[in-house]
mmCIF file of all heavy atoms, coordinates in Angstrom:
data_MODEL
# 
_entry.id   MODEL 
# 
loop_
_atom_site.group_PDB 
_atom_site.id 
_atom_site.type_symbol 
_atom_site.label_atom_id 
_atom_site.label_alt_id 
_atom_site.label_comp_id 
_atom_site.label_asym_id 
_atom_site.label_entity_id 
_atom_site.label_seq_id 
_atom_site.pdbx_PDB_ins_code 
_atom_site.Cartn_x 
_atom_site.Cartn_y 
_atom_site.Cartn_z 
_atom_site.occupancy 
_atom_site.B_iso_or_equiv 
_atom_site.pdbx_formal_charge 
_atom_site.auth_seq_id 
_atom_site.auth_comp_id 
_atom_site.auth_asym_id 
_atom_site.auth_atom_id 
_atom_site.pdbx_PDB_model_num 
ATOM 1   N N   . ILE A 1 1  ? -2.668 0.754   -11.816 1.00 0.00 ? 1  ILE A N   1 
ATOM 2   C CA  . ILE A 1 1  ? -1.797 -0.193  -11.109 1.00 0.00 ? 1  ILE A CA  1 
ATOM 3   C C   . ILE A 1 1  ? -2.110 -0.282  -9.590  1.00 0.00 ? 1  ILE A C   1 
ATOM 4   O O   . ILE A 1 1  ? -2.423 0.744   -8.975  1.00 0.00 ? 1  ILE A O   1 
ATOM 5   C CB  . ILE A 1 1  ? -0.279 0.246   -11.227 1.00 0.00 ? 1  ILE A CB  1 
ATOM 6   C CG1 . ILE A 1 1  ? 0.078  0.353   -12.712 1.00 0.00 ? 1  ILE A CG1 1 
ATOM 7   C CG2 . ILE A 1 1  ? 0.601  -0.547  -10.422 1.00 0.00 ? 1  ILE A CG2 1 
ATOM 8   C CD1 . ILE A 1 1  ? 0.067  -1.045  -13.456 1.00 0.00 ? 1  ILE A CD1 1 
ATOM 9   N N   . VAL A 1 2  ? -2.322 -1.454  -9.131  1.00 0.00 ? 2  VAL A N   1 
ATOM 10  C CA  . VAL A 1 2  ? -2.572 -1.722  -7.718  1.00 0.00 ? 2  VAL A CA  1 
ATOM 11  C C   . VAL A 1 2  ? -1.221 -2.213  -7.160  1.00 0.00 ? 2  VAL A C   1 
ATOM 12  O O   . VAL A 1 2  ? -0.609 -3.004  -7.541  1.00 0.00 ? 2  VAL A O   1 
ATOM 13  C CB  . VAL A 1 2  ? -3.607 -2.853  -7.572  1.00 0.00 ? 2  VAL A CB  1 
ATOM 14  C CG1 . VAL A 1 2  ? -3.820 -3.132  -6.096  1.00 0.00 ? 2  VAL A CG1 1 
ATOM 15  C CG2 . VAL A 1 2  ? -4.940 -2.463  -8.294  1.00 0.00 ? 2  VAL A CG2 1 
ATOM 16  N N   . ALA A 1 3  ? -1.024 -1.453  -5.982  1.00 0.00 ? 3  ALA A N   1 
ATOM 17  C CA  . ALA A 1 3  ? 0.241  -1.867  -5.195  1.00 0.00 ? 3  ALA A CA  1 
ATOM 18  C C   . ALA A 1 3  ? -0.169 -2.853  -4.150  1.00 0.00 ? 3  ALA A C   1 
ATOM 19  O O   . ALA A 1 3  ? -0.935 -2.552  -3.229  1.00 0.00 ? 3  ALA A O   1 
ATOM 20  C CB  . ALA A 1 3  ? 0.898  -0.610  -4.658  1.00 0.00 ? 3  ALA A CB  1 
ATOM 21  N N   . ASP A 1 4  ? 0.546  -3.985  -4.053  1.00 0.00 ? 4  ASP A N   1 
ATOM 22  C CA  . ASP A 1 4  ? 0.238  -5.065  -3.133  1.00 0.00 ? 4  ASP A CA  1 
ATOM 23  C C   . ASP A 1 4  ? 1.110  -4.796  -1.926  1.00 0.00 ? 4  ASP A C   1 
ATOM 24  O O   . ASP A 1 4  ? 2.338  -4.938  -1.948  1.00 0.00 ? 4  ASP A O   1 
ATOM 25  C CB  . ASP A 1 4  ? 0.534  -6.436  -3.773  1.00 0.00 ? 4  ASP A CB  1 
ATOM 26  C CG  . ASP A 1 4  ? 0.049  -7.522  -2.864  1.00 0.00 ? 4  ASP A CG  1 
ATOM 27  O OD1 . ASP A 1 4  ? -1.198 -7.762  -2.903  1.00 0.00 ? 4  ASP A OD1 1 
ATOM 28  O OD2 . ASP A 1 4  ? 0.887  -8.235  -2.279  1.00 0.00 ? 4  ASP A OD2 1 
ATOM 29  N N   . ILE A 1 5  ? 0.496  -4.556  -0.737  1.00 0.00 ? 5  ILE A N   1 
ATOM 30  C CA  . ILE A 1 5  ? 1.181  -4.209  0.447   1.00 0.00 ? 5  ILE A CA  1 
ATOM 31  C C   . ILE A 1 5  ? 0.759  -5.187  1.489   1.00 0.00 ? 5  ILE A C   1 
ATOM 32  O O   . ILE A 1 5  ? -0.426 -5.440  1.673   1.00 0.00 ? 5  ILE A O   1 
ATOM 33  C CB  . ILE A 1 5  ? 0.858  -2.820  0.980   1.00 0.00 ? 5  ILE A CB  1 
ATOM 34  C CG1 . ILE A 1 5  ? 0.999  -1.777  -0.075  1.00 0.00 ? 5  ILE A CG1 1 
ATOM 35  C CG2 . ILE A 1 5  ? 1.735  -2.359  2.130   1.00 0.00 ? 5  ILE A CG2 1 
ATOM 36  C CD1 . ILE A 1 5  ? 2.360  -1.551  -0.699  1.00 0.00 ? 5  ILE A CD1 1 
ATOM 37  N N   . HIS A 1 6  ? 1.671  -5.752  2.248   1.00 0.00 ? 6  HIS A N   1 
ATOM 38  C CA  . HIS A 1 6  ? 1.284  -6.645  3.314   1.00 0.00 ? 6  HIS A CA  1 
ATOM 39  C C   . HIS A 1 6  ? 1.438  -6.188  4.683   1.00 0.00 ? 6  HIS A C   1 
ATOM 40  O O   . HIS A 1 6  ? 0.466  -5.936  5.409   1.00 0.00 ? 6  HIS A O   1 
ATOM 41  C CB  . HIS A 1 6  ? 2.010  -8.019  3.101   1.00 0.00 ? 6  HIS A CB  1 
ATOM 42  C CG  . HIS A 1 6  ? 1.278  -8.849  2.010   1.00 0.00 ? 6  HIS A CG  1 
ATOM 43  N ND1 . HIS A 1 6  ? 0.200  -9.632  2.366   1.00 0.00 ? 6  HIS A ND1 1 
ATOM 44  C CD2 . HIS A 1 6  ? 1.534  -8.960  0.791   1.00 0.00 ? 6  HIS A CD2 1 
ATOM 45  C CE1 . HIS A 1 6  ? -0.169 -10.285 1.238   1.00 0.00 ? 6  HIS A CE1 1 
ATOM 46  N NE2 . HIS A 1 6  ? 0.646  -9.854  0.282   1.00 0.00 ? 6  HIS A NE2 1 
ATOM 47  N N   . PHE A 1 7  ? 2.685  -5.977  5.159   1.00 0.00 ? 7  PHE A N   1 
ATOM 48  C CA  . PHE A 1 7  ? 2.856  -5.649  6.592   1.00 0.00 ? 7  PHE A CA  1 
ATOM 49  C C   . PHE A 1 7  ? 3.350  -4.270  6.894   1.00 0.00 ? 7  PHE A C   1 
ATOM 50  O O   . PHE A 1 7  ? 3.061  -3.706  7.877   1.00 0.00 ? 7  PHE A O   1 
ATOM 51  C CB  . PHE A 1 7  ? 3.689  -6.656  7.287   1.00 0.00 ? 7  PHE A CB  1 
ATOM 52  C CG  . PHE A 1 7  ? 3.178  -8.033  7.289   1.00 0.00 ? 7  PHE A CG  1 
ATOM 53  C CD1 . PHE A 1 7  ? 3.646  -9.076  6.364   1.00 0.00 ? 7  PHE A CD1 1 
ATOM 54  C CD2 . PHE A 1 7  ? 2.080  -8.464  8.028   1.00 0.00 ? 7  PHE A CD2 1 
ATOM 55  C CE1 . PHE A 1 7  ? 3.133  -10.364 6.313   1.00 0.00 ? 7  PHE A CE1 1 
ATOM 56  C CE2 . PHE A 1 7  ? 1.446  -9.708  7.932   1.00 0.00 ? 7  PHE A CE2 1 
ATOM 57  C CZ  . PHE A 1 7  ? 2.062  -10.633 7.089   1.00 0.00 ? 7  PHE A CZ  1 
ATOM 58  N N   . HIS A 1 8  ? 4.225  -3.756  6.027   1.00 0.00 ? 8  HIS A N   1 
ATOM 59  C CA  . HIS A 1 8  ? 4.856  -2.424  6.322   1.00 0.00 ? 8  HIS A CA  1 
ATOM 60  C C   . HIS A 1 8  ? 4.037  -1.335  5.749   1.00 0.00 ? 8  HIS A C   1 
ATOM 61  O O   . HIS A 1 8  ? 3.966  -1.085  4.515   1.00 0.00 ? 8  HIS A O   1 
ATOM 62  C CB  . HIS A 1 8  ? 6.301  -2.388  5.815   1.00 0.00 ? 8  HIS A CB  1 
ATOM 63  C CG  . HIS A 1 8  ? 7.212  -1.602  6.597   1.00 0.00 ? 8  HIS A CG  1 
ATOM 64  N ND1 . HIS A 1 8  ? 7.010  -0.225  6.776   1.00 0.00 ? 8  HIS A ND1 1 
ATOM 65  C CD2 . HIS A 1 8  ? 8.317  -1.904  7.371   1.00 0.00 ? 8  HIS A CD2 1 
ATOM 66  C CE1 . HIS A 1 8  ? 7.924  0.248   7.594   1.00 0.00 ? 8  HIS A CE1 1 
ATOM 67  N NE2 . HIS A 1 8  ? 8.737  -0.771  7.927   1.00 0.00 ? 8  HIS A NE2 1 
ATOM 68  N N   . TYR A 1 9  ? 3.529  -0.529  6.659   1.00 0.00 ? 9  TYR A N   1 
ATOM 69  C CA  . TYR A 1 9  ? 2.576  0.599   6.271   1.00 0.00 ? 9  TYR A CA  1 
ATOM 70  C C   . TYR A 1 9  ? 3.337  1.637   5.417   1.00 0.00 ? 9  TYR A C   1 
ATOM 71  O O   . TYR A 1 9  ? 2.770  2.334   4.533   1.00 0.00 ? 9  TYR A O   1 
ATOM 72  C CB  . TYR A 1 9  ? 2.001  1.198   7.418   1.00 0.00 ? 9  TYR A CB  1 
ATOM 73  C CG  . TYR A 1 9  ? 2.807  2.170   8.190   1.00 0.00 ? 9  TYR A CG  1 
ATOM 74  C CD1 . TYR A 1 9  ? 2.606  3.561   8.037   1.00 0.00 ? 9  TYR A CD1 1 
ATOM 75  C CD2 . TYR A 1 9  ? 3.762  1.701   9.132   1.00 0.00 ? 9  TYR A CD2 1 
ATOM 76  C CE1 . TYR A 1 9  ? 3.364  4.467   8.816   1.00 0.00 ? 9  TYR A CE1 1 
ATOM 77  C CE2 . TYR A 1 9  ? 4.513  2.581   9.767   1.00 0.00 ? 9  TYR A CE2 1 
ATOM 78  C CZ  . TYR A 1 9  ? 4.342  3.870   9.647   1.00 0.00 ? 9  TYR A CZ  1 
ATOM 79  O OH  . TYR A 1 9  ? 5.054  4.841   10.401  1.00 0.00 ? 9  TYR A OH  1 
ATOM 80  N N   . LYS A 1 10 ? 4.647  1.820   5.644   1.00 0.00 ? 10 LYS A N   1 
ATOM 81  C CA  . LYS A 1 10 ? 5.422  2.833   4.899   1.00 0.00 ? 10 LYS A CA  1 
ATOM 82  C C   . LYS A 1 10 ? 5.438  2.482   3.411   1.00 0.00 ? 10 LYS A C   1 
ATOM 83  O O   . LYS A 1 10 ? 5.526  3.434   2.598   1.00 0.00 ? 10 LYS A O   1 
ATOM 84  C CB  . LYS A 1 10 ? 6.878  2.875   5.447   1.00 0.00 ? 10 LYS A CB  1 
ATOM 85  C CG  . LYS A 1 10 ? 6.898  3.582   6.755   1.00 0.00 ? 10 LYS A CG  1 
ATOM 86  C CD  . LYS A 1 10 ? 8.256  3.972   7.195   1.00 0.00 ? 10 LYS A CD  1 
ATOM 87  C CE  . LYS A 1 10 ? 8.320  4.760   8.574   1.00 0.00 ? 10 LYS A CE  1 
ATOM 88  N NZ  . LYS A 1 10 ? 9.654  5.106   8.942   1.00 0.00 ? 10 LYS A NZ  1 
ATOM 89  N N   . ARG A 1 11 ? 5.390  1.178   2.975   1.00 0.00 ? 11 ARG A N   1 
ATOM 90  C CA  . ARG A 1 11 ? 5.348  0.839   1.619   1.00 0.00 ? 11 ARG A CA  1 
ATOM 91  C C   . ARG A 1 11 ? 4.055  1.350   1.011   1.00 0.00 ? 11 ARG A C   1 
ATOM 92  O O   . ARG A 1 11 ? 3.990  1.773   -0.193  1.00 0.00 ? 11 ARG A O   1 
ATOM 93  C CB  . ARG A 1 11 ? 5.385  -0.726  1.408   1.00 0.00 ? 11 ARG A CB  1 
ATOM 94  C CG  . ARG A 1 11 ? 6.708  -1.330  1.971   1.00 0.00 ? 11 ARG A CG  1 
ATOM 95  C CD  . ARG A 1 11 ? 7.936  -0.968  1.328   1.00 0.00 ? 11 ARG A CD  1 
ATOM 96  N NE  . ARG A 1 11 ? 8.538  0.240   1.776   1.00 0.00 ? 11 ARG A NE  1 
ATOM 97  C CZ  . ARG A 1 11 ? 9.151  0.367   2.967   1.00 0.00 ? 11 ARG A CZ  1 
ATOM 98  N NH1 . ARG A 1 11 ? 9.342  -0.650  3.713   1.00 0.00 ? 11 ARG A NH1 1 
ATOM 99  N NH2 . ARG A 1 11 ? 9.783  1.542   3.417   1.00 0.00 ? 11 ARG A NH2 1 
ATOM 100 N N   . ALA A 1 12 ? 3.043  1.326   1.868   1.00 0.00 ? 12 ALA A N   1 
ATOM 101 C CA  . ALA A 1 12 ? 1.719  1.886   1.306   1.00 0.00 ? 12 ALA A CA  1 
ATOM 102 C C   . ALA A 1 12 ? 1.781  3.321   1.016   1.00 0.00 ? 12 ALA A C   1 
ATOM 103 O O   . ALA A 1 12 ? 1.241  3.812   0.056   1.00 0.00 ? 12 ALA A O   1 
ATOM 104 C CB  . ALA A 1 12 ? 0.647  1.534   2.270   1.00 0.00 ? 12 ALA A CB  1 
ATOM 105 N N   . LEU A 1 13 ? 2.416  3.997   1.954   1.00 0.00 ? 13 LEU A N   1 
ATOM 106 C CA  . LEU A 1 13 ? 2.580  5.502   1.785   1.00 0.00 ? 13 LEU A CA  1 
ATOM 107 C C   . LEU A 1 13 ? 3.362  5.776   0.621   1.00 0.00 ? 13 LEU A C   1 
ATOM 108 O O   . LEU A 1 13 ? 3.052  6.730   -0.257  1.00 0.00 ? 13 LEU A O   1 
ATOM 109 C CB  . LEU A 1 13 ? 3.258  6.105   3.066   1.00 0.00 ? 13 LEU A CB  1 
ATOM 110 C CG  . LEU A 1 13 ? 2.590  5.770   4.412   1.00 0.00 ? 13 LEU A CG  1 
ATOM 111 C CD1 . LEU A 1 13 ? 3.401  6.474   5.562   1.00 0.00 ? 13 LEU A CD1 1 
ATOM 112 C CD2 . LEU A 1 13 ? 1.105  6.222   4.465   1.00 0.00 ? 13 LEU A CD2 1 
ATOM 113 N N   . GLU A 1 14 ? 4.460  5.085   0.445   1.00 0.00 ? 14 GLU A N   1 
ATOM 114 C CA  . GLU A 1 14 ? 5.310  5.290   -0.750  1.00 0.00 ? 14 GLU A CA  1 
ATOM 115 C C   . GLU A 1 14 ? 4.638  4.982   -2.034  1.00 0.00 ? 14 GLU A C   1 
ATOM 116 O O   . GLU A 1 14 ? 4.676  5.717   -3.041  1.00 0.00 ? 14 GLU A O   1 
ATOM 117 C CB  . GLU A 1 14 ? 6.599  4.454   -0.650  1.00 0.00 ? 14 GLU A CB  1 
ATOM 118 C CG  . GLU A 1 14 ? 7.514  4.826   0.516   1.00 0.00 ? 14 GLU A CG  1 
ATOM 119 C CD  . GLU A 1 14 ? 8.475  3.764   0.929   1.00 0.00 ? 14 GLU A CD  1 
ATOM 120 O OE1 . GLU A 1 14 ? 8.483  2.678   0.407   1.00 0.00 ? 14 GLU A OE1 1 
ATOM 121 O OE2 . GLU A 1 14 ? 9.211  3.966   1.925   1.00 0.00 ? 14 GLU A OE2 1 
ATOM 122 N N   . ALA A 1 15 ? 3.831  3.905   -2.097  1.00 0.00 ? 15 ALA A N   1 
ATOM 123 C CA  . ALA A 1 15 ? 3.089  3.472   -3.225  1.00 0.00 ? 15 ALA A CA  1 
ATOM 124 C C   . ALA A 1 15 ? 2.057  4.514   -3.601  1.00 0.00 ? 15 ALA A C   1 
ATOM 125 O O   . ALA A 1 15 ? 1.859  4.880   -4.887  1.00 0.00 ? 15 ALA A O   1 
ATOM 126 C CB  . ALA A 1 15 ? 2.450  2.104   -3.040  1.00 0.00 ? 15 ALA A CB  1 
ATOM 127 N N   . ALA A 1 16 ? 1.376  4.974   -2.652  1.00 0.00 ? 16 ALA A N   1 
ATOM 128 C CA  . ALA A 1 16 ? 0.301  6.082   -2.875  1.00 0.00 ? 16 ALA A CA  1 
ATOM 129 C C   . ALA A 1 16 ? 0.955  7.270   -3.522  1.00 0.00 ? 16 ALA A C   1 
ATOM 130 O O   . ALA A 1 16 ? 0.471  7.856   -4.544  1.00 0.00 ? 16 ALA A O   1 
ATOM 131 C CB  . ALA A 1 16 ? -0.440 6.402   -1.592  1.00 0.00 ? 16 ALA A CB  1 
ATOM 132 N N   . ASP A 1 17 ? 2.090  7.681   -3.020  1.00 0.00 ? 17 ASP A N   1 
ATOM 133 C CA  . ASP A 1 17 ? 2.886  8.844   -3.474  1.00 0.00 ? 17 ASP A CA  1 
ATOM 134 C C   . ASP A 1 17 ? 3.337  8.625   -4.909  1.00 0.00 ? 17 ASP A C   1 
ATOM 135 O O   . ASP A 1 17 ? 3.552  9.584   -5.672  1.00 0.00 ? 17 ASP A O   1 
ATOM 136 C CB  . ASP A 1 17 ? 3.959  9.350   -2.518  1.00 0.00 ? 17 ASP A CB  1 
ATOM 137 C CG  . ASP A 1 17 ? 3.433  9.909   -1.224  1.00 0.00 ? 17 ASP A CG  1 
ATOM 138 O OD1 . ASP A 1 17 ? 2.263  10.355  -1.267  1.00 0.00 ? 17 ASP A OD1 1 
ATOM 139 O OD2 . ASP A 1 17 ? 4.186  9.933   -0.324  1.00 0.00 ? 17 ASP A OD2 1 
ATOM 140 N N   . ALA A 1 18 ? 3.610  7.317   -5.210  1.00 0.00 ? 18 ALA A N   1 
ATOM 141 C CA  . ALA A 1 18 ? 4.203  6.977   -6.490  1.00 0.00 ? 18 ALA A CA  1 
ATOM 142 C C   . ALA A 1 18 ? 3.191  6.893   -7.636  1.00 0.00 ? 18 ALA A C   1 
ATOM 143 O O   . ALA A 1 18 ? 3.437  6.712   -8.786  1.00 0.00 ? 18 ALA A O   1 
ATOM 144 C CB  . ALA A 1 18 ? 4.957  5.673   -6.415  1.00 0.00 ? 18 ALA A CB  1 
ATOM 145 N N   . GLY A 1 19 ? 1.884  6.996   -7.247  1.00 0.00 ? 19 GLY A N   1 
ATOM 146 C CA  . GLY A 1 19 ? 0.915  6.977   -8.240  1.00 0.00 ? 19 GLY A CA  1 
ATOM 147 C C   . GLY A 1 19 ? -0.012 5.791   -8.373  1.00 0.00 ? 19 GLY A C   1 
ATOM 148 O O   . GLY A 1 19 ? -0.695 5.710   -9.369  1.00 0.00 ? 19 GLY A O   1 
ATOM 149 N N   . ALA A 1 20 ? 0.102  4.814   -7.388  1.00 0.00 ? 20 ALA A N   1 
ATOM 150 C CA  . ALA A 1 20 ? -0.684 3.602   -7.456  1.00 0.00 ? 20 ALA A CA  1 
ATOM 151 C C   . ALA A 1 20 ? -2.151 4.077   -7.462  1.00 0.00 ? 20 ALA A C   1 
ATOM 152 O O   . ALA A 1 20 ? -2.612 4.947   -6.645  1.00 0.00 ? 20 ALA A O   1 
ATOM 153 C CB  . ALA A 1 20 ? -0.472 2.725   -6.297  1.00 0.00 ? 20 ALA A CB  1 
ATOM 154 N N   . ALA A 1 21 ? -3.019 3.424   -8.198  1.00 0.00 ? 21 ALA A N   1 
ATOM 155 C CA  . ALA A 1 21 ? -4.429 3.695   -8.327  1.00 0.00 ? 21 ALA A CA  1 
ATOM 156 C C   . ALA A 1 21 ? -5.123 2.986   -7.077  1.00 0.00 ? 21 ALA A C   1 
ATOM 157 O O   . ALA A 1 21 ? -6.339 3.480   -6.784  1.00 0.00 ? 21 ALA A O   1 
ATOM 158 C CB  . ALA A 1 21 ? -5.038 3.262   -9.551  1.00 0.00 ? 21 ALA A CB  1 
ATOM 159 N N   . CYS A 1 22 ? -4.523 2.002   -6.539  1.00 0.00 ? 22 CYS A N   1 
ATOM 160 C CA  . CYS A 1 22 ? -5.225 1.291   -5.482  1.00 0.00 ? 22 CYS A CA  1 
ATOM 161 C C   . CYS A 1 22 ? -4.148 0.648   -4.602  1.00 0.00 ? 22 CYS A C   1 
ATOM 162 O O   . CYS A 1 22 ? -3.082 0.185   -5.102  1.00 0.00 ? 22 CYS A O   1 
ATOM 163 C CB  . CYS A 1 22 ? -6.099 0.202   -6.051  1.00 0.00 ? 22 CYS A CB  1 
ATOM 164 S SG  . CYS A 1 22 ? -7.089 -0.730  -4.967  1.00 0.00 ? 22 CYS A SG  1 
ATOM 165 N N   . LEU A 1 23 ? -4.419 0.493   -3.346  1.00 0.00 ? 23 LEU A N   1 
ATOM 166 C CA  . LEU A 1 23 ? -3.561 -0.206  -2.500  1.00 0.00 ? 23 LEU A CA  1 
ATOM 167 C C   . LEU A 1 23 ? -4.232 -1.469  -1.899  1.00 0.00 ? 23 LEU A C   1 
ATOM 168 O O   . LEU A 1 23 ? -5.383 -1.397  -1.448  1.00 0.00 ? 23 LEU A O   1 
ATOM 169 C CB  . LEU A 1 23 ? -3.240 0.616   -1.195  1.00 0.00 ? 23 LEU A CB  1 
ATOM 170 C CG  . LEU A 1 23 ? -2.653 2.062   -1.453  1.00 0.00 ? 23 LEU A CG  1 
ATOM 171 C CD1 . LEU A 1 23 ? -2.507 2.842   -0.237  1.00 0.00 ? 23 LEU A CD1 1 
ATOM 172 C CD2 . LEU A 1 23 ? -1.332 2.001   -2.161  1.00 0.00 ? 23 LEU A CD2 1 
ATOM 173 N N   . ARG A 1 24 ? -3.557 -2.644  -2.058  1.00 0.00 ? 24 ARG A N   1 
ATOM 174 C CA  . ARG A 1 24 ? -4.150 -3.898  -1.598  1.00 0.00 ? 24 ARG A CA  1 
ATOM 175 C C   . ARG A 1 24 ? -3.481 -4.148  -0.186  1.00 0.00 ? 24 ARG A C   1 
ATOM 176 O O   . ARG A 1 24 ? -2.286 -4.352  -0.061  1.00 0.00 ? 24 ARG A O   1 
ATOM 177 C CB  . ARG A 1 24 ? -3.765 -4.965  -2.568  1.00 0.00 ? 24 ARG A CB  1 
ATOM 178 C CG  . ARG A 1 24 ? -4.420 -6.357  -2.195  1.00 0.00 ? 24 ARG A CG  1 
ATOM 179 C CD  . ARG A 1 24 ? -3.663 -7.142  -1.185  1.00 0.00 ? 24 ARG A CD  1 
ATOM 180 N NE  . ARG A 1 24 ? -4.180 -8.495  -0.866  1.00 0.00 ? 24 ARG A NE  1 
ATOM 181 C CZ  . ARG A 1 24 ? -3.841 -9.244  0.004   1.00 0.00 ? 24 ARG A CZ  1 
ATOM 182 N NH1 . ARG A 1 24 ? -3.031 -8.764  0.911   1.00 0.00 ? 24 ARG A NH1 1 
ATOM 183 N NH2 . ARG A 1 24 ? -4.309 -10.444 0.142   1.00 0.00 ? 24 ARG A NH2 1 
ATOM 184 N N   . ILE A 1 25 ? -4.373 -3.981  0.871   1.00 0.00 ? 25 ILE A N   1 
ATOM 185 C CA  . ILE A 1 25 ? -3.835 -4.182  2.227   1.00 0.00 ? 25 ILE A CA  1 
ATOM 186 C C   . ILE A 1 25 ? -4.836 -4.912  3.033   1.00 0.00 ? 25 ILE A C   1 
ATOM 187 O O   . ILE A 1 25 ? -5.931 -5.025  2.652   1.00 0.00 ? 25 ILE A O   1 
ATOM 188 C CB  . ILE A 1 25 ? -3.645 -2.726  2.809   1.00 0.00 ? 25 ILE A CB  1 
ATOM 189 C CG1 . ILE A 1 25 ? -4.953 -2.020  2.979   1.00 0.00 ? 25 ILE A CG1 1 
ATOM 190 C CG2 . ILE A 1 25 ? -2.529 -1.941  2.188   1.00 0.00 ? 25 ILE A CG2 1 
ATOM 191 C CD1 . ILE A 1 25 ? -4.863 -0.679  3.828   1.00 0.00 ? 25 ILE A CD1 1 
ATOM 192 N N   . ASN A 1 26 ? -4.407 -5.384  4.193   1.00 0.00 ? 26 ASN A N   1 
ATOM 193 C CA  . ASN A 1 26 ? -5.237 -5.748  5.308   1.00 0.00 ? 26 ASN A CA  1 
ATOM 194 C C   . ASN A 1 26 ? -5.029 -4.702  6.422   1.00 0.00 ? 26 ASN A C   1 
ATOM 195 O O   . ASN A 1 26 ? -3.941 -4.763  7.001   1.00 0.00 ? 26 ASN A O   1 
ATOM 196 C CB  . ASN A 1 26 ? -4.960 -7.148  5.767   1.00 0.00 ? 26 ASN A CB  1 
ATOM 197 C CG  . ASN A 1 26 ? -5.565 -8.200  5.003   1.00 0.00 ? 26 ASN A CG  1 
ATOM 198 O OD1 . ASN A 1 26 ? -6.350 -7.895  4.082   1.00 0.00 ? 26 ASN A OD1 1 
ATOM 199 N ND2 . ASN A 1 26 ? -5.262 -9.439  5.257   1.00 0.00 ? 26 ASN A ND2 1 
ATOM 200 N N   . PRO A 1 27 ? -5.913 -3.827  6.620   1.00 0.00 ? 27 PRO A N   1 
ATOM 201 C CA  . PRO A 1 27 ? -5.691 -2.778  7.602   1.00 0.00 ? 27 PRO A CA  1 
ATOM 202 C C   . PRO A 1 27 ? -5.227 -3.235  8.886   1.00 0.00 ? 27 PRO A C   1 
ATOM 203 O O   . PRO A 1 27 ? -4.383 -2.620  9.618   1.00 0.00 ? 27 PRO A O   1 
ATOM 204 C CB  . PRO A 1 27 ? -7.014 -1.976  7.682   1.00 0.00 ? 27 PRO A CB  1 
ATOM 205 C CG  . PRO A 1 27 ? -7.746 -2.252  6.377   1.00 0.00 ? 27 PRO A CG  1 
ATOM 206 C CD  . PRO A 1 27 ? -7.253 -3.666  5.944   1.00 0.00 ? 27 PRO A CD  1 
ATOM 207 N N   . GLY A 1 28 ? -5.784 -4.443  9.374   1.00 0.00 ? 28 GLY A N   1 
ATOM 208 C CA  . GLY A 1 28 ? -5.396 -4.938  10.692  1.00 0.00 ? 28 GLY A CA  1 
ATOM 209 C C   . GLY A 1 28 ? -3.925 -5.447  10.699  1.00 0.00 ? 28 GLY A C   1 
ATOM 210 O O   . GLY A 1 28 ? -3.420 -5.553  11.858  1.00 0.00 ? 28 GLY A O   1 
ATOM 211 N N   . ASN A 1 29 ? -3.295 -5.599  9.634   1.00 0.00 ? 29 ASN A N   1 
ATOM 212 C CA  . ASN A 1 29 ? -1.878 -5.975  9.593   1.00 0.00 ? 29 ASN A CA  1 
ATOM 213 C C   . ASN A 1 29 ? -0.903 -4.749  9.691   1.00 0.00 ? 29 ASN A C   1 
ATOM 214 O O   . ASN A 1 29 ? 0.305  -4.943  9.814   1.00 0.00 ? 29 ASN A O   1 
ATOM 215 C CB  . ASN A 1 29 ? -1.469 -6.759  8.259   1.00 0.00 ? 29 ASN A CB  1 
ATOM 216 C CG  . ASN A 1 29 ? -2.143 -8.110  8.298   1.00 0.00 ? 29 ASN A CG  1 
ATOM 217 O OD1 . ASN A 1 29 ? -2.615 -8.667  9.181   1.00 0.00 ? 29 ASN A OD1 1 
ATOM 218 N ND2 . ASN A 1 29 ? -2.134 -8.634  7.081   1.00 0.00 ? 29 ASN A ND2 1 
ATOM 219 N N   . LEU A 1 30 ? -1.436 -3.595  9.657   1.00 0.00 ? 30 LEU A N   1 
ATOM 220 C CA  . LEU A 1 30 ? -0.546 -2.390  9.594   1.00 0.00 ? 30 LEU A CA  1 
ATOM 221 C C   . LEU A 1 30 ? 0.019  -1.996  11.002  1.00 0.00 ? 30 LEU A C   1 
ATOM 222 O O   . LEU A 1 30 ? 0.853  -1.145  11.039  1.00 0.00 ? 30 LEU A O   1 
ATOM 223 C CB  . LEU A 1 30 ? -1.278 -1.263  8.972   1.00 0.00 ? 30 LEU A CB  1 
ATOM 224 C CG  . LEU A 1 30 ? -1.770 -1.455  7.545   1.00 0.00 ? 30 LEU A CG  1 
ATOM 225 C CD1 . LEU A 1 30 ? -2.429 -0.234  7.062   1.00 0.00 ? 30 LEU A CD1 1 
ATOM 226 C CD2 . LEU A 1 30 ? -0.531 -1.826  6.668   1.00 0.00 ? 30 LEU A CD2 1 
# 
């Protein structure tokens, strides 16, 4: 499962801890 994250970096942290295999982000948007 890939977690789609756009602007809020904390969603990425939560998704990683929840077991997402991949984070879809734009690092510059964080």
